[in-house]
Protein backbone atom coordinates (compact mmCIF):
# COMPACT_ATOMS: atom_id res chain seq x y z
CA GLY A 1 135.59 14.98 102.94
CA ARG A 2 135.53 16.32 99.38
CA ILE A 3 138.11 15.36 96.79
CA PRO A 4 141.00 17.87 96.44
CA LEU A 5 140.59 20.61 93.85
CA SER A 6 143.75 19.66 91.96
CA GLY A 7 144.69 16.25 90.59
CA ASP A 8 143.00 13.74 88.33
CA SER A 9 139.63 12.45 89.46
CA SER A 10 138.79 10.65 86.23
CA LYS A 11 139.93 7.32 87.68
CA THR A 12 138.08 7.61 90.97
CA ASP A 13 134.99 5.93 89.57
CA PRO A 14 135.36 3.57 86.64
CA SER A 15 131.63 3.62 86.11
CA ASP A 16 131.92 7.15 84.69
CA GLY A 17 134.13 5.82 81.92
CA ASP A 18 135.44 7.82 79.00
CA ARG A 19 132.70 9.65 77.16
CA SER A 20 134.76 9.97 74.03
CA LYS A 21 135.01 6.18 73.84
CA LYS A 22 131.65 5.08 75.18
CA GLY A 23 129.66 8.12 74.02
CA ILE A 24 127.70 7.99 77.25
CA ASP A 25 127.90 9.24 80.82
CA ALA A 26 127.01 7.30 83.96
CA ASN A 27 125.32 10.36 85.46
CA GLU A 28 123.29 10.77 82.28
CA ILE A 29 122.21 7.09 82.42
CA ALA A 30 120.78 7.24 85.91
CA VAL A 31 119.76 10.87 86.06
CA GLY A 32 118.22 11.00 82.66
CA GLY A 33 120.07 14.06 81.36
CA ASP A 34 118.86 17.43 80.23
CA ASN A 35 119.55 17.73 76.52
CA ASP A 36 119.18 20.68 74.16
CA SER A 37 115.72 21.39 72.86
CA SER A 38 115.51 20.88 69.11
CA ASP A 39 114.65 24.56 68.63
CA ASP A 40 117.79 25.71 70.48
CA ALA A 41 119.98 23.26 68.60
CA ASN A 42 118.57 24.34 65.25
CA GLU A 43 118.95 28.02 66.08
CA ARG A 44 122.54 27.54 67.21
CA ASN A 45 123.47 25.71 64.01
CA LYS A 46 122.10 28.42 61.76
CA PRO A 47 124.61 30.79 60.17
CA LYS A 48 124.74 34.13 61.96
CA SER A 49 122.13 36.41 60.42
CA LYS A 50 123.00 39.91 59.28
CA SER A 51 121.65 42.68 61.49
CA MET A 52 121.07 46.28 60.49
CA MET A 53 123.24 47.25 63.45
CA ASP A 54 126.30 45.32 62.23
CA ASN A 55 127.41 48.36 60.20
CA ILE A 56 127.62 50.70 63.20
CA ILE A 57 131.12 51.87 64.17
CA ILE A 58 131.73 53.23 67.69
CA GLU A 59 134.46 55.84 67.39
CA GLN A 60 134.57 57.38 70.85
CA MET A 61 132.96 57.24 74.29
CA LYS A 62 132.62 60.34 76.45
CA GLY A 63 130.57 60.40 79.60
CA SER A 64 127.13 59.05 78.77
CA LYS A 65 127.50 59.57 75.01
CA LEU A 66 128.94 57.70 72.04
CA THR A 67 130.32 59.07 68.80
CA ILE A 68 129.32 56.68 66.02
CA SER A 69 129.31 56.38 62.27
CA THR A 70 127.79 53.85 59.89
CA LYS A 71 129.44 51.86 57.12
CA THR A 72 127.72 52.85 53.87
CA SER A 73 129.68 50.43 51.66
CA ASN A 74 132.12 47.62 52.24
CA ASN A 75 135.10 47.66 49.92
CA GLY A 76 137.57 45.86 52.14
CA LYS A 77 140.11 48.22 53.65
CA ASN A 78 138.53 51.25 51.96
CA ALA A 79 135.03 50.90 53.37
CA ASP A 80 133.04 54.14 53.23
CA LYS A 81 131.27 55.47 56.29
CA SER A 82 128.74 58.11 57.13
CA LYS A 83 129.42 61.35 58.94
CA SER A 84 130.05 60.92 62.66
CA ARG A 85 127.30 61.80 65.12
CA THR A 86 126.75 61.69 68.87
CA VAL A 87 124.10 59.52 70.55
CA LEU A 88 123.18 58.57 74.10
CA ASN A 89 124.93 55.40 75.26
CA PHE A 90 122.54 52.70 76.45
CA ALA A 91 124.50 49.89 74.81
CA THR A 92 127.81 49.23 76.60
CA HIS A 93 128.48 47.46 79.90
CA ASP A 94 130.69 50.12 81.50
CA PHE A 95 128.11 50.64 84.24
CA LEU A 96 130.23 53.03 86.33
CA GLY A 97 131.60 54.92 83.33
CA MET A 98 135.21 54.28 84.29
CA SER A 99 136.40 54.19 80.67
CA CYS A 100 134.43 57.29 79.67
CA PRO A 101 136.04 60.66 80.60
CA ASP A 102 133.50 63.20 81.79
CA ILE A 103 132.54 65.67 79.04
CA ASP A 104 131.82 68.48 81.50
CA GLY A 105 135.10 67.87 83.27
CA ALA A 106 136.95 67.99 79.97
CA LYS A 107 135.47 71.41 79.19
CA LYS A 108 136.69 72.85 82.47
CA ASN A 109 140.29 71.99 81.73
CA ALA A 110 142.10 72.24 78.41
CA ASP A 111 143.93 68.98 79.21
CA SER A 112 141.03 66.53 79.36
CA HIS A 113 143.33 63.71 80.54
CA SER A 114 143.86 65.44 83.86
CA THR A 115 140.13 65.22 84.64
CA ASP A 116 140.06 61.44 84.28
CA VAL A 117 142.14 59.46 86.76
CA VAL A 118 141.86 56.19 84.85
CA LYS A 119 143.15 57.68 81.62
CA GLN A 120 145.85 59.58 83.46
CA ALA A 121 147.02 56.38 85.19
CA SER A 122 147.12 54.64 81.78
CA ILE A 123 149.24 57.41 80.26
CA GLU A 124 151.72 57.29 83.11
CA ALA A 125 151.98 53.49 82.84
CA LEU A 126 152.54 53.67 79.08
CA SER A 127 155.36 56.15 79.68
CA LYS A 128 156.92 53.86 82.26
CA TYR A 129 156.42 50.35 80.78
CA GLY A 130 155.60 50.83 77.13
CA CYS A 131 152.67 48.94 75.65
CA GLY A 132 153.30 45.18 75.60
CA SER A 133 154.51 42.81 78.28
CA CYS A 134 156.74 40.54 76.15
CA GLY A 135 155.30 37.14 77.06
CA PRO A 136 153.03 34.96 79.24
CA ARG A 137 152.99 35.54 82.97
CA GLY A 138 155.31 32.61 83.68
CA PHE A 139 157.78 33.51 80.94
CA TYR A 140 159.07 37.07 81.40
CA GLY A 141 155.57 38.54 81.17
CA THR A 142 154.94 39.41 84.82
CA ILE A 143 155.27 43.12 85.62
CA ASP A 144 154.89 44.75 89.04
CA ALA A 145 151.65 46.34 87.77
CA HIS A 146 150.13 42.84 87.46
CA LEU A 147 151.14 41.90 91.00
CA ASP A 148 149.90 45.23 92.37
CA LEU A 149 146.47 44.70 90.79
CA GLU A 150 146.21 41.14 92.09
CA GLU A 151 147.07 42.32 95.59
CA ALA A 152 144.62 45.23 95.39
CA MET A 153 141.77 43.00 94.18
CA ALA A 154 142.40 40.39 96.87
CA GLU A 155 142.38 43.12 99.51
CA PHE A 156 139.24 44.77 98.11
CA THR A 157 137.32 41.47 98.02
CA ASN A 158 138.68 40.16 101.34
CA THR A 159 140.15 37.01 99.81
CA ASP A 160 143.51 35.28 100.21
CA GLY A 161 144.64 35.96 96.67
CA ALA A 162 143.82 36.82 93.06
CA ILE A 163 145.15 35.75 89.67
CA LEU A 164 145.07 38.06 86.64
CA TYR A 165 144.28 36.91 83.09
CA SER A 166 144.81 38.92 79.93
CA ASP A 167 141.12 39.05 78.97
CA GLY A 168 137.79 38.40 80.61
CA ALA A 169 136.72 35.48 78.42
CA SER A 170 139.92 33.49 78.93
CA CYS A 171 139.63 34.08 82.67
CA THR A 172 136.30 32.29 82.95
CA THR A 173 137.06 29.56 80.40
CA SER A 174 140.49 28.78 81.83
CA THR A 175 139.34 28.83 85.44
CA ILE A 176 136.61 26.24 84.91
CA ALA A 177 138.88 24.00 82.83
CA ALA A 178 141.65 24.28 85.43
CA PHE A 179 139.53 22.65 88.14
CA ALA A 180 137.00 20.44 86.35
CA LYS A 181 138.40 17.54 84.32
CA ARG A 182 137.11 14.41 82.64
CA GLY A 183 135.19 12.38 85.20
CA ASP A 184 134.20 15.41 87.30
CA LEU A 185 130.66 16.78 87.42
CA LEU A 186 129.43 20.28 86.60
CA VAL A 187 125.84 21.24 87.42
CA VAL A 188 125.20 24.31 85.31
CA ASP A 189 122.47 26.92 84.91
CA GLU A 190 121.21 26.63 81.33
CA GLY A 191 121.30 30.44 80.95
CA ILE A 192 125.05 30.97 81.33
CA TYR A 193 126.70 33.26 78.81
CA GLU A 194 129.18 32.40 76.09
CA ALA A 195 132.48 32.48 78.01
CA LEU A 196 131.21 30.27 80.84
CA GLY A 197 129.69 27.86 78.34
CA THR A 198 133.01 27.57 76.53
CA GLY A 199 134.77 26.81 79.82
CA VAL A 200 132.24 24.08 80.57
CA SER A 201 132.88 22.51 77.15
CA LEU A 202 136.67 22.74 77.45
CA SER A 203 136.65 21.02 80.84
CA ARG A 204 135.34 17.78 79.25
CA ALA A 205 133.59 17.08 82.56
CA ASN A 206 130.19 15.44 82.86
CA VAL A 207 127.58 18.20 82.65
CA LYS A 208 124.05 18.46 84.02
CA TYR A 209 121.95 21.54 83.26
CA PHE A 210 119.12 22.92 85.37
CA LYS A 211 116.44 25.40 84.33
CA HIS A 212 117.49 29.02 84.45
CA ASN A 213 117.37 30.37 88.02
CA ASP A 214 115.02 27.56 89.06
CA MET A 215 116.16 26.33 92.47
CA ASP A 216 113.47 23.63 92.53
CA ASP A 217 114.86 22.20 89.33
CA LEU A 218 118.40 22.47 90.72
CA ARG A 219 117.29 20.46 93.74
CA ARG A 220 115.77 17.89 91.39
CA VAL A 221 119.04 17.50 89.49
CA LEU A 222 121.09 17.22 92.68
CA GLN A 223 118.71 14.64 94.15
CA ARG A 224 118.86 12.50 91.02
CA VAL A 225 122.67 12.62 91.04
CA GLN A 226 122.48 11.55 94.68
CA ALA A 227 120.21 8.66 93.68
CA THR A 228 122.79 7.67 91.06
CA ASP A 229 125.48 7.61 93.76
CA GLU A 230 123.39 5.24 95.84
CA SER A 231 122.68 2.93 92.91
CA LEU A 232 126.38 2.81 91.93
CA GLY A 233 127.69 2.62 95.49
CA ARG A 234 129.65 5.81 94.87
CA LYS A 235 130.67 8.19 97.64
CA GLN A 236 130.15 11.94 97.32
CA ASN A 237 133.87 12.60 97.55
CA ASP A 238 134.75 10.17 94.76
CA GLN A 239 134.17 12.93 92.23
CA ARG A 240 134.86 16.67 92.13
CA ARG A 241 131.53 18.45 91.81
CA PHE A 242 130.76 22.09 91.05
CA ILE A 243 127.69 24.25 90.54
CA VAL A 244 128.32 26.89 87.86
CA VAL A 245 126.25 30.10 87.74
CA GLU A 246 126.40 33.78 86.89
CA ALA A 247 125.59 36.25 89.63
CA LEU A 248 123.98 38.67 87.16
CA TYR A 249 123.10 36.99 83.88
CA LYS A 250 124.41 38.84 80.84
CA ASN A 251 121.76 37.57 78.42
CA TYR A 252 118.75 37.84 80.73
CA GLY A 253 119.35 40.64 83.26
CA THR A 254 118.26 38.23 86.00
CA ILE A 255 120.01 37.65 89.32
CA CYS A 256 120.93 34.26 90.74
CA PRO A 257 119.15 33.61 94.09
CA LEU A 258 122.44 32.91 95.84
CA ASP A 259 120.88 32.69 99.29
CA GLU A 260 118.83 29.67 98.19
CA LEU A 261 121.56 28.18 96.02
CA ILE A 262 124.11 28.20 98.84
CA LYS A 263 121.80 26.12 101.00
CA LEU A 264 121.53 23.48 98.27
CA LYS A 265 125.26 23.60 97.60
CA GLU A 266 126.05 22.91 101.24
CA GLN A 267 123.33 20.29 101.65
CA PHE A 268 124.59 18.22 98.71
CA CYS A 269 128.33 18.97 99.20
CA TYR A 270 129.18 20.85 96.01
CA ARG A 271 131.64 23.64 95.36
CA LEU A 272 130.47 26.84 93.67
CA ILE A 273 132.01 28.51 90.63
CA LEU A 274 130.45 31.97 90.58
CA ASP A 275 130.91 34.49 87.77
CA GLU A 276 130.62 38.05 89.09
CA SER A 277 131.66 39.68 85.82
CA PHE A 278 128.48 41.73 85.43
CA SER A 279 127.47 42.10 89.08
CA PHE A 280 130.83 43.45 90.29
CA GLY A 281 130.61 47.21 90.61
CA CYS A 282 126.82 47.42 90.53
CA MET A 283 125.55 45.09 93.27
CA GLY A 284 126.20 45.21 97.00
CA SER A 285 126.42 48.32 99.15
CA THR A 286 130.02 48.99 98.06
CA GLY A 287 129.90 47.38 94.61
CA ARG A 288 131.62 44.14 95.63
CA GLY A 289 129.00 42.09 93.82
CA ALA A 290 126.14 39.67 94.40
CA LEU A 291 127.77 37.94 97.36
CA GLU A 292 127.79 41.25 99.22
CA HIS A 293 124.23 41.93 98.02
CA PHE A 294 123.05 38.69 99.68
CA GLY A 295 125.23 39.09 102.79
CA LEU A 296 127.50 36.18 101.80
CA LYS A 297 131.28 35.86 101.84
CA PRO A 298 133.81 34.81 99.20
CA MET A 299 135.81 31.65 99.95
CA GLN A 300 133.24 30.65 102.57
CA HIS A 301 130.11 30.54 100.40
CA ALA A 302 131.69 30.61 96.93
CA GLU A 303 135.00 28.82 96.50
CA ILE A 304 135.88 30.08 93.00
CA ILE A 305 134.88 33.57 91.80
CA THR A 306 135.65 35.03 88.39
CA ILE A 307 135.43 38.78 87.64
CA SER A 308 135.82 40.48 84.27
CA LEU A 309 137.62 43.82 84.28
CA GLU A 310 135.83 44.78 81.06
CA ASN A 311 132.52 45.98 82.50
CA SER A 312 132.31 48.17 85.61
CA ILE A 313 136.09 48.43 85.89
CA GLY A 314 136.34 49.80 82.34
CA SER A 315 139.59 48.08 81.39
CA ILE A 316 140.59 44.75 79.82
CA GLY A 317 141.29 41.41 81.52
CA GLY A 318 139.80 39.11 84.11
CA ILE A 319 140.60 38.03 87.66
CA THR A 320 139.82 34.89 89.64
CA ILE A 321 139.75 35.29 93.41
CA GLY A 322 139.71 32.74 96.22
CA ASN A 323 141.99 31.07 98.72
CA GLU A 324 145.67 30.35 98.12
CA GLU A 325 144.96 26.88 96.70
CA ILE A 326 142.53 28.30 94.13
CA VAL A 327 145.01 30.94 92.98
CA ASP A 328 148.24 28.94 93.04
CA HIS A 329 146.75 25.97 91.18
CA GLN A 330 145.90 28.16 88.19
CA ARG A 331 149.43 29.51 87.83
CA LEU A 332 150.37 26.14 86.33
CA SER A 333 146.95 24.86 85.20
CA GLY A 334 145.16 27.93 83.83
CA ALA A 335 145.64 27.70 80.05
CA GLY A 336 144.92 31.38 79.46
CA TYR A 337 147.40 32.31 82.18
CA CYS A 338 150.20 29.97 81.07
CA PHE A 339 150.02 30.29 77.30
CA SER A 340 148.64 33.76 76.53
CA ALA A 341 150.65 36.96 76.52
CA SER A 342 150.04 38.78 79.77
CA LEU A 343 147.89 41.88 80.09
CA PRO A 344 149.59 45.11 78.92
CA PRO A 345 150.74 46.86 82.11
CA PHE A 346 148.87 50.08 81.38
CA LEU A 347 145.57 48.15 81.39
CA ALA A 348 146.39 46.63 84.78
CA THR A 349 147.18 50.11 86.06
CA ALA A 350 143.90 51.42 84.63
CA ALA A 351 141.99 48.63 86.37
CA GLN A 352 143.66 49.41 89.67
CA ALA A 353 142.82 53.10 89.28
CA SER A 354 139.16 52.14 88.73
CA LEU A 355 139.23 49.90 91.79
CA ASN A 356 140.70 52.72 93.88
CA ARG A 357 138.02 55.04 92.60
CA MET A 358 135.28 52.62 93.61
CA GLU A 359 136.77 52.37 97.09
CA THR A 360 137.39 56.08 97.65
CA HIS A 361 134.23 57.34 95.93
CA PRO A 362 131.45 54.88 96.87
CA GLU A 363 128.90 57.46 95.77
CA ILE A 364 129.38 56.40 92.13
CA VAL A 365 127.96 52.98 92.99
CA GLN A 366 124.99 54.65 94.65
CA ASP A 367 124.54 56.96 91.62
CA LEU A 368 124.27 53.86 89.45
CA LYS A 369 121.69 52.28 91.76
CA ASP A 370 119.66 55.49 91.81
CA ASN A 371 119.67 55.60 88.01
CA ILE A 372 118.63 51.96 87.78
CA GLN A 373 115.63 52.51 90.05
CA TYR A 374 114.71 55.76 88.29
CA PHE A 375 114.78 54.10 84.87
CA TYR A 376 112.59 51.17 85.89
CA ASP A 377 110.14 53.56 87.55
CA GLY A 378 110.09 55.61 84.36
CA LEU A 379 109.34 52.53 82.26
CA TYR A 380 106.34 51.72 84.43
CA ASP A 381 105.13 55.32 84.29
CA THR A 382 104.61 54.77 80.54
CA MET A 383 102.15 51.94 81.22
CA GLY A 384 98.43 52.29 80.85
CA GLU A 385 96.17 51.92 83.86
CA ASP A 386 94.85 48.60 82.60
CA SER A 387 98.20 47.03 81.74
CA GLY A 388 99.16 46.12 85.28
CA ARG A 389 102.68 46.27 86.67
CA GLY A 390 104.94 43.85 84.81
CA ASN A 391 102.48 43.01 82.02
CA GLY A 392 103.78 45.46 79.44
CA MET A 393 104.50 49.03 78.51
CA ILE A 394 102.53 51.28 76.22
CA PRO A 395 101.26 50.18 73.75
CA ASN A 396 101.07 46.99 75.79
CA LYS A 397 103.41 45.20 73.42
CA LEU A 398 106.57 44.82 75.54
CA MET A 399 107.29 43.46 79.00
CA ILE A 400 110.27 43.89 81.31
CA THR A 401 111.99 40.55 81.96
CA SER A 402 115.09 41.71 83.89
CA VAL A 403 115.14 42.22 87.67
CA GLU A 404 113.34 45.45 88.44
CA GLY A 405 115.27 48.09 90.35
CA THR A 406 118.45 46.03 90.66
CA SER A 407 119.78 44.90 87.30
CA PRO A 408 121.63 47.55 85.24
CA ILE A 409 121.02 45.32 82.19
CA VAL A 410 117.41 45.97 81.18
CA PHE A 411 115.66 43.49 78.89
CA LEU A 412 112.36 44.05 77.12
CA GLN A 413 110.61 41.20 75.31
CA LEU A 414 107.35 40.99 73.42
CA THR A 415 104.35 40.22 75.59
CA LYS A 416 103.31 36.58 75.50
CA ASP A 417 100.24 37.18 73.32
CA ASN A 418 102.38 38.73 70.58
CA ASP A 419 105.19 36.23 71.12
CA ASN A 420 102.84 33.35 70.43
CA LEU A 421 101.80 34.81 67.07
CA LEU A 422 105.26 35.60 65.69
CA THR A 423 108.21 33.49 64.60
CA ARG A 424 111.67 34.17 66.00
CA GLU A 425 112.71 35.81 62.72
CA GLU A 426 109.70 38.13 62.85
CA GLN A 427 110.50 39.10 66.45
CA VAL A 428 114.14 39.81 65.53
CA ASP A 429 113.01 42.03 62.66
CA ILE A 430 110.70 44.00 64.98
CA PHE A 431 113.40 44.60 67.55
CA ASP A 432 115.95 45.54 64.88
CA ARG A 433 113.56 48.15 63.53
CA ILE A 434 112.84 49.53 67.01
CA ALA A 435 116.56 49.75 67.80
CA MET A 436 117.31 51.53 64.51
CA GLU A 437 114.43 53.93 65.06
CA CYS A 438 115.87 54.75 68.49
CA LEU A 439 119.32 55.22 66.98
CA ASP A 440 117.92 57.58 64.35
CA ASN A 441 116.54 59.64 67.24
CA GLY A 442 119.79 59.74 69.20
CA VAL A 443 119.55 56.76 71.58
CA PHE A 444 121.75 53.67 71.09
CA ILE A 445 120.12 50.47 72.37
CA VAL A 446 120.72 46.86 71.28
CA SER A 447 118.50 44.31 69.57
CA THR A 448 119.87 40.95 70.74
CA GLY A 449 118.09 38.41 68.56
CA SER A 450 120.50 38.41 65.61
CA TYR A 451 123.70 37.61 67.49
CA VAL A 452 122.94 36.06 70.91
CA THR A 453 122.61 32.56 69.48
CA HIS A 454 126.02 30.88 69.28
CA HIS A 455 128.11 29.17 72.00
CA LEU A 456 125.07 28.96 74.29
CA HIS A 457 123.27 25.95 75.73
CA LYS A 458 119.92 27.76 75.75
CA ILE A 459 119.11 30.49 73.24
CA PRO A 460 117.34 33.43 74.95
CA PRO A 461 114.29 34.97 73.27
CA PRO A 462 114.88 38.03 71.07
CA ALA A 463 114.81 41.22 73.11
CA LEU A 464 115.77 44.86 73.40
CA ARG A 465 118.69 45.42 75.76
CA LEU A 466 119.49 48.70 77.49
CA THR A 467 122.31 49.23 79.97
CA ILE A 468 122.22 51.86 82.70
CA MET A 469 125.28 53.91 83.66
CA ALA A 470 126.14 56.03 86.67
CA LYS A 471 127.01 58.94 84.35
CA GLN A 472 123.59 59.17 82.73
CA SER A 473 121.54 62.15 83.88
CA LYS A 474 117.88 61.89 84.82
CA ALA A 475 117.03 63.92 81.71
CA GLU A 476 118.91 61.42 79.54
CA LEU A 477 117.08 58.51 81.15
CA ASP A 478 113.77 60.27 80.45
CA THR A 479 114.83 60.88 76.85
CA ALA A 480 115.67 57.21 76.35
CA ILE A 481 112.27 56.10 77.67
CA LYS A 482 110.44 58.63 75.49
CA VAL A 483 112.40 57.79 72.33
CA MET A 484 112.00 54.04 72.86
CA ASN A 485 108.30 54.36 73.55
CA ASN A 486 107.78 56.40 70.39
CA ALA A 487 109.77 53.81 68.42
CA VAL A 488 107.61 50.98 69.76
CA VAL A 489 104.45 52.85 68.80
CA LYS A 490 105.80 53.54 65.31
CA VAL A 491 106.91 49.96 64.63
CA LEU A 492 104.13 48.03 66.35
CA GLY A 493 101.33 50.54 65.97
């Protein structure tokens, strides 16, 4: 009995009105709304601060290592840079290492390309198609490589179809805006990352936020919308309604409790837009994502699923999967699909090679999971006897806030006692210094506070972020923990 996914629902309930004219939303009137905190709004409006890490140039990725240099002066096109050096990679989101040829494999064979199936597939595609694709998908830009990848992804995820976008950000933004229009309702986790947030804004739908990963607060929001329906005499199917979440949150390292969320979604008759960009390849027994992790099924439990090809797949682009209606509607309504040049064919071929590798070598997914568990265990081994699990690491200054043993995106924040004594700027400075100290000792990690502020509804606290890869050895994981711990001791004392 829900309203169709396509079409204009803005006229189904005149009480919703036009926000641009009235400056108000009927759902916000009755439900009360969840507005930005003043601190988040002020932080978002600040100009982007300069970080010490902004001058770092990544020149090459091989296996678990990065070759980097640092800009020493900025004279426009003739900027000087320091001598290149190699560091351990704990900074990128290529969890399975698909875009990083194996260093050991390269040494065994003079032609390093032959040891890396993804790079070899890209070379062959470049020889066959050239680089560009000449236009948008609907205007001479569709190549058989695009169709092959869409078919392979639909088969791998057990869905009716898939639609390929030319980059991961436009996939999520265009997908949301293709289905949610003015007059529709989006109930959104306040912790969503930048691309999802942009899609929510572009949709011009009515938006209600709930506290990050808080299913009790989600229930509260849904119940108050239901109360609004009763007061306005509005039926549930008078308005398209979606819940929008990430499976694995980019800026928090937390995992959406999909098992609980699905129950609420079905109870209150909502559709689910689920972003699996960071969970695909690292969650579930075969890497199919959070739905597989929770024993749920695409199309049945999540109607619209977006997946970036720029993380575990190690390529460029994004794909939305679902039933035929979900896919076909976007071929005329997805702005990024209709108006952007299509993905270069060699990148589609590279993505398909990565997908084949995941399917034929499931052990790489297990290697990643083993490394994730090993790293979290190693972090806790650095704790003092009195610190207690989860309260902080030596010297009892940092705490782990990501999901232990599952999330490949590891976040470390200051313990609450220290957090309460320091301003945000002071916390950012501390994390910048720790990250630079780690870099000076050969480990590249990220301090997030300087740049994770814009295009977000809720600004996350400053933190250190480390990403775990399948290609990292146990010795490299130990090195990272040791170097980071020494850096924390040096900076915080």
